[in-house]
């Protein structure tokens, strides 16, 4: 349900017009009561005799009492339809009694019925105004949908009207904004999941969008679901382990041992030299090549 809205007070011109309408209504009620009093009294005399005046007086007072209480309850946002229909019934009875006094003359029947009908019409207009203002203040009066929209888009308008009724959305502009946001979310899901998005999207999101409820939460979820995911960062390449450098002292010692081995066994291979020195075959071959080559003479 929408929040209650502030009702602007009547302007001076509106108050003057309402006061003039009230005076005219009082005159109408007085003339109508005076005109029908004698007619109804005459119809009631065969049954009430000298007390026949009680019938028109009681009916008119009953109508005024019922109308007053019905309008008060409408103003308090506590309408009681029974009071309204009882006022209609008493007014209809007054019209019938006045028409009976015309004895079948059509012109007389119309004249006798005119003022009671005007009276009840005025009361209905006042009731409508009170009910609308009380409903707007309480946030319970639902604004109508323009006829042009019904003609241009009847099916979508019916669905919009249905959601306004089900979830008590009283403001038509607010209902339009909610519908636009709902359709935006549907478009995002369709672009992200494809035509079968209802079977792929989370069930609670599908429900919120289908019924048009909790749209703030639904749109936030849809935005989160359809947001483009960042590209994964490439894994860092492992750094090559630093080459182990043989300490200078170890290299000198290996050379001295290698020289002694080469002198003792001139035909030794690089692999055998590496095995004895506990170095790699490649290093052993290099060492053999370097040490076995005679130094140049000057």
Protein backbone atom coordinates (compact mmCIF):
# COMPACT_ATOMS: atom_id res chain seq x y z
CA UNK A 1 0.00 0.00 0.00
CA UNK A 2 1.20 3.50 -0.78
CA UNK A 3 1.95 5.95 1.98
CA UNK A 4 -0.70 8.45 3.04
CA UNK A 5 -0.59 11.66 1.08
CA UNK A 6 -1.11 15.20 2.31
CA UNK A 7 -4.34 16.78 1.11
CA UNK A 8 -4.14 20.41 0.17
CA UNK A 9 -6.75 22.51 2.03
CA UNK A 10 -9.52 24.13 0.05
CA UNK A 11 -8.76 27.51 -1.40
CA UNK A 12 -10.87 30.53 -0.58
CA UNK A 13 -12.77 30.26 -3.86
CA UNK A 14 -13.43 26.58 -3.27
CA UNK A 15 -14.74 27.26 0.23
CA UNK A 16 -17.04 29.97 -1.11
CA UNK A 17 -18.34 27.63 -3.79
CA UNK A 18 -18.84 24.83 -1.25
CA UNK A 19 -20.71 27.22 1.05
CA UNK A 20 -22.96 28.35 -1.79
CA UNK A 21 -23.65 24.73 -2.68
CA UNK A 22 -24.54 24.02 0.94
CA UNK A 23 -27.01 26.92 1.01
CA UNK A 24 -28.64 25.77 -2.20
CA UNK A 25 -28.87 22.24 -0.81
CA UNK A 26 -30.49 23.51 2.38
CA UNK A 27 -33.02 25.41 0.29
CA UNK A 28 -33.65 22.34 -1.85
CA UNK A 29 -34.14 20.15 1.21
CA UNK A 30 -36.47 22.69 2.82
CA UNK A 31 -38.60 23.19 -0.27
CA UNK A 32 -38.66 19.47 -0.99
CA UNK A 33 -39.73 18.68 2.55
CA UNK A 34 -42.36 21.41 2.54
CA UNK A 35 -43.71 20.35 -0.85
CA UNK A 36 -43.91 16.67 -0.05
CA UNK A 37 -45.21 17.12 3.48
CA UNK A 38 -48.78 17.90 2.49
CA UNK A 39 -48.81 15.25 -0.26
CA UNK A 40 -47.55 12.46 1.99
CA UNK A 41 -49.80 13.59 4.83
CA UNK A 42 -52.80 13.39 2.54
CA UNK A 43 -51.85 9.88 1.42
CA UNK A 44 -51.37 8.77 5.06
CA UNK A 45 -54.64 10.25 6.46
CA UNK A 46 -56.80 7.18 5.73
CA UNK A 47 -54.58 5.13 8.04
CA UNK A 48 -53.32 7.69 10.58
CA UNK A 49 -56.15 10.21 10.72
CA UNK A 50 -55.17 13.29 12.67
CA UNK A 51 -51.69 11.91 13.29
CA UNK A 52 -50.90 11.62 9.58
CA UNK A 53 -48.31 14.42 9.84
CA UNK A 54 -46.03 11.97 11.71
CA UNK A 55 -45.41 9.98 8.50
CA UNK A 56 -43.80 12.74 6.35
CA UNK A 57 -42.01 14.23 9.36
CA UNK A 58 -40.62 10.86 10.45
CA UNK A 59 -39.53 9.85 6.94
CA UNK A 60 -37.78 13.18 6.26
CA UNK A 61 -36.04 13.20 9.65
CA UNK A 62 -35.00 9.57 9.14
CA UNK A 63 -33.49 10.40 5.77
CA UNK A 64 -31.54 13.34 7.21
CA UNK A 65 -30.28 11.25 10.15
CA UNK A 66 -29.17 8.36 7.95
CA UNK A 67 -27.47 10.67 5.46
CA UNK A 68 -25.65 12.60 8.20
CA UNK A 69 -24.28 9.48 9.90
CA UNK A 70 -23.36 7.88 6.55
CA UNK A 71 -21.38 10.99 5.55
CA UNK A 72 -19.64 11.09 8.92
CA UNK A 73 -18.57 7.45 8.63
CA UNK A 74 -17.31 8.08 5.11
CA UNK A 75 -15.27 10.98 6.44
CA UNK A 76 -13.77 8.73 9.13
CA UNK A 77 -12.89 6.09 6.48
CA UNK A 78 -15.36 3.68 8.13
CA UNK A 79 -18.16 3.46 5.54
CA UNK A 80 -21.28 1.46 6.37
CA UNK A 81 -23.16 0.64 3.16
CA UNK A 82 -26.29 -0.36 5.09
CA UNK A 83 -26.89 3.24 6.18
CA UNK A 84 -26.54 4.48 2.63
CA UNK A 85 -28.97 1.93 1.24
CA UNK A 86 -31.47 2.62 4.02
CA UNK A 87 -31.34 6.32 3.11
CA UNK A 88 -32.02 5.33 -0.50
CA UNK A 89 -34.93 3.17 0.62
CA UNK A 90 -36.53 5.99 2.64
CA UNK A 91 -36.00 8.42 -0.23
CA UNK A 92 -37.60 5.93 -2.63
CA UNK A 93 -40.52 5.60 -0.21
CA UNK A 94 -40.91 9.38 -0.15
CA UNK A 95 -40.85 9.49 -3.95
CA UNK A 96 -43.43 6.72 -4.12
CA UNK A 97 -45.76 8.46 -1.66
CA UNK A 98 -45.42 11.73 -3.57
CA UNK A 99 -46.08 10.01 -6.88
CA UNK A 100 -49.15 8.33 -5.41
CA UNK A 101 -50.54 11.76 -4.59
CA UNK A 102 -50.52 12.59 -8.32
CA UNK A 103 -53.17 9.90 -8.95
CA UNK A 104 -51.61 8.68 -12.20
CA UNK A 105 -50.98 12.07 -13.79
CA UNK A 106 -47.55 11.88 -15.46
CA UNK A 107 -46.79 15.58 -15.09
CA UNK A 108 -47.71 15.53 -11.43
CA UNK A 109 -45.65 12.39 -10.86
CA UNK A 110 -42.54 14.02 -12.37
CA UNK A 111 -43.00 17.19 -10.32
CA UNK A 112 -43.49 15.22 -7.11
CA UNK A 113 -40.39 13.06 -7.77
CA UNK A 114 -38.04 15.83 -8.96
CA UNK A 115 -36.93 17.31 -5.63
CA UNK A 116 -36.35 13.99 -3.78
CA UNK A 117 -34.23 12.78 -6.71
CA UNK A 118 -32.23 16.03 -6.67
CA UNK A 119 -31.76 15.63 -2.92
CA UNK A 120 -30.30 12.14 -3.15
CA UNK A 121 -28.13 13.13 -6.13
CA UNK A 122 -26.60 15.97 -4.14
CA UNK A 123 -25.98 13.67 -1.19
CA UNK A 124 -24.20 11.17 -3.44
CA UNK A 125 -21.97 13.93 -4.82
CA UNK A 126 -21.01 15.02 -1.30
CA UNK A 127 -20.38 11.40 -0.27
CA UNK A 128 -18.14 10.86 -3.28
CA UNK A 129 -16.07 13.97 -2.49
CA UNK A 130 -15.68 13.02 1.17
CA UNK A 131 -14.77 9.44 0.33
CA UNK A 132 -12.17 10.49 -2.23
CA UNK A 133 -10.47 13.01 0.05
CA UNK A 134 -10.47 10.62 3.01
CA UNK A 135 -9.13 7.84 0.81
CA UNK A 136 -6.40 10.02 -0.68
CA UNK A 137 -5.35 11.13 2.80
CA UNK A 138 -5.23 7.50 3.99
CA UNK A 139 -3.53 6.26 0.82
CA UNK A 140 -6.33 3.85 -0.08
CA UNK A 141 -7.85 5.49 -3.16
CA UNK A 142 -6.50 3.97 -6.36
CA UNK A 143 -6.01 6.29 -9.31
CA UNK A 144 -7.58 5.21 -12.57
CA UNK A 145 -5.68 4.18 -15.69
CA UNK A 146 -6.30 6.46 -18.71
CA UNK A 147 -8.69 5.10 -21.32
CA UNK A 148 -6.13 5.69 -24.10
CA UNK A 149 -3.79 3.14 -22.54
CA UNK A 150 -6.58 0.57 -22.33
CA UNK A 151 -7.22 1.08 -26.05
CA UNK A 152 -3.56 1.02 -27.16
CA UNK A 153 -2.30 -1.83 -24.96
CA UNK A 154 -5.25 -3.67 -23.41
CA UNK A 155 -3.42 -6.81 -22.25
CA UNK A 156 -0.43 -5.12 -20.63
CA UNK A 157 -2.77 -2.51 -19.12
CA UNK A 158 -4.89 -5.25 -17.59
CA UNK A 159 -1.79 -6.81 -16.03
CA UNK A 160 -0.76 -3.38 -14.71
CA UNK A 161 -4.24 -2.79 -13.27
CA UNK A 162 -4.20 -6.28 -11.72
CA UNK A 163 -0.92 -5.60 -9.91
CA UNK A 164 -2.25 -2.24 -8.70
CA UNK A 165 -5.28 -4.00 -7.21
CA UNK A 166 -3.41 -6.99 -5.75
CA UNK A 167 -0.63 -5.00 -4.11
CA UNK A 168 -2.69 -1.84 -3.41
CA UNK A 169 -0.61 0.52 -5.53
CA UNK A 170 -2.78 3.61 -5.51
CA UNK A 171 -0.59 5.92 -7.61
CA UNK A 172 -0.74 5.36 -11.38
CA UNK A 173 2.63 7.13 -12.05
CA UNK A 174 4.29 4.95 -9.40
CA UNK A 175 2.78 1.86 -11.00
CA UNK A 176 4.21 2.92 -14.38
CA UNK A 177 7.70 3.39 -12.93
CA UNK A 178 7.49 -0.03 -11.26
CA UNK A 179 6.42 -1.61 -14.56
CA UNK A 180 9.32 0.01 -16.41
CA UNK A 181 11.80 -1.27 -13.84
CA UNK A 182 10.28 -4.75 -14.02
CA UNK A 183 10.59 -4.86 -17.80
CA UNK A 184 14.17 -3.64 -17.60
CA UNK A 185 15.01 -6.52 -15.27
CA UNK A 186 13.28 -8.98 -17.62
CA UNK A 187 15.34 -7.69 -20.55
CA UNK A 188 18.57 -8.12 -18.59
CA UNK A 189 17.70 -11.70 -17.67
CA UNK A 190 16.72 -12.53 -21.23
CA UNK A 191 20.00 -11.15 -22.58
CA UNK A 192 22.03 -13.00 -19.94
CA UNK A 193 20.30 -16.40 -19.78
CA UNK A 194 18.44 -16.53 -23.09
CA UNK A 195 14.80 -17.34 -23.77
CA UNK A 196 14.68 -19.98 -21.02
CA UNK A 197 15.76 -17.54 -18.34
CA UNK A 198 12.87 -18.58 -16.08
CA UNK A 199 14.43 -22.02 -15.64
CA UNK A 200 17.96 -20.68 -15.15
CA UNK A 201 17.45 -17.61 -12.96
CA UNK A 202 16.95 -17.99 -9.17
CA UNK A 203 13.38 -18.93 -8.25
CA UNK A 204 12.86 -16.00 -5.87
CA UNK A 205 13.90 -13.50 -8.56
CA UNK A 206 11.50 -15.09 -11.06
CA UNK A 207 8.66 -14.86 -8.51
CA UNK A 208 9.34 -11.22 -7.63
CA UNK A 209 9.40 -10.18 -11.29
CA UNK A 210 6.38 -12.28 -12.26
CA UNK A 211 4.20 -10.75 -9.53
CA UNK A 212 5.79 -7.30 -9.58
CA UNK A 213 6.67 -7.24 -5.88
CA UNK A 214 9.84 -6.24 -3.99
CA UNK A 215 11.19 -4.69 -7.19
CA UNK A 216 14.06 -2.87 -5.47
CA UNK A 217 15.44 -6.15 -4.20
CA UNK A 218 14.68 -7.94 -7.47
CA UNK A 219 16.46 -5.36 -9.61
CA UNK A 220 19.49 -5.40 -7.32
CA UNK A 221 19.66 -9.20 -7.62
CA UNK A 222 19.28 -9.07 -11.40
CA UNK A 223 22.02 -6.45 -11.71
CA UNK A 224 24.30 -8.63 -9.61
CA UNK A 225 23.49 -11.76 -11.62
CA UNK A 226 23.95 -10.18 -15.04
CA UNK A 227 27.00 -8.02 -14.30
CA UNK A 228 29.96 -8.91 -16.58
CA UNK A 229 32.52 -10.96 -14.71
CA UNK A 230 36.13 -9.66 -14.77
CA UNK A 231 38.59 -11.62 -16.91
CA UNK A 232 40.80 -13.95 -14.86
CA UNK A 233 44.29 -12.65 -14.26
CA UNK A 234 47.07 -14.73 -15.85
CA UNK A 235 48.93 -16.90 -13.38
CA UNK A 236 52.37 -15.52 -12.57
CA UNK A 237 55.22 -17.38 -14.28
CA UNK A 238 57.47 -19.19 -11.83
CA UNK A 239 60.88 -17.60 -11.57
CA UNK A 240 63.81 -19.66 -12.72
CA UNK A 241 65.96 -20.73 -9.82
CA UNK A 242 69.24 -18.87 -9.70
CA UNK A 243 72.17 -20.76 -11.08
CA UNK A 244 74.34 -22.23 -8.46
CA UNK A 245 77.79 -20.86 -8.60
CA UNK A 246 80.63 -23.00 -7.46
CA UNK A 247 82.73 -21.19 -4.92
CA UNK A 248 86.20 -20.24 -6.17
CA UNK A 249 87.90 -22.34 -3.57
CA UNK A 250 85.91 -25.43 -4.59
CA UNK A 251 86.75 -24.84 -8.28
CA UNK A 252 90.47 -24.51 -7.54
CA UNK A 253 90.41 -27.69 -5.47
CA UNK A 254 88.60 -29.60 -8.27
CA UNK A 255 91.18 -28.40 -10.79
CA UNK A 256 94.04 -29.54 -8.59
CA UNK A 257 92.47 -32.96 -8.08
CA UNK A 258 91.65 -33.19 -11.78
CA UNK A 259 95.25 -32.42 -12.75
CA UNK A 260 96.54 -35.13 -10.49
CA UNK A 261 94.05 -37.63 -11.94
CA UNK A 262 94.88 -36.65 -15.54
CA UNK A 263 98.61 -36.94 -14.87
CA UNK A 264 98.10 -40.40 -13.40
CA UNK A 265 95.69 -41.52 -16.12
CA UNK A 266 96.20 -39.54 -19.34
CA UNK A 267 93.45 -41.42 -21.20
CA UNK A 268 90.67 -40.81 -18.67
CA UNK A 269 87.27 -39.76 -20.03
CA UNK A 270 85.27 -36.70 -18.96
CA UNK A 271 82.50 -38.88 -17.49
CA UNK A 272 84.96 -40.81 -15.35
CA UNK A 273 86.63 -37.61 -14.24
CA UNK A 274 83.22 -36.18 -13.28
CA UNK A 275 82.37 -39.32 -11.30
CA UNK A 276 85.55 -39.11 -9.30
CA UNK A 277 85.20 -35.41 -8.62
CA UNK A 278 81.41 -35.79 -7.89
CA UNK A 279 80.43 -33.19 -10.46
CA UNK A 280 78.17 -33.34 -13.50
CA UNK A 281 79.45 -35.15 -16.62
CA UNK A 282 79.28 -31.89 -18.57
CA UNK A 283 81.43 -30.09 -16.05
CA UNK A 284 83.82 -33.01 -16.00
CA UNK A 285 84.18 -32.90 -19.80
CA UNK A 286 84.84 -29.14 -19.75
CA UNK A 287 87.41 -29.53 -17.01
CA UNK A 288 89.13 -32.33 -18.90
CA UNK A 289 89.22 -30.31 -22.13
CA UNK A 290 90.66 -27.25 -20.42
CA UNK A 291 93.26 -29.05 -18.34
CA UNK A 292 94.33 -31.55 -20.98
CA UNK A 293 95.09 -28.79 -23.50
CA UNK A 294 98.74 -27.77 -23.14
CA UNK A 295 99.34 -24.15 -22.27
CA UNK A 296 100.74 -22.04 -25.17
CA UNK A 297 104.50 -21.24 -25.01
CA UNK A 298 105.86 -17.84 -25.71
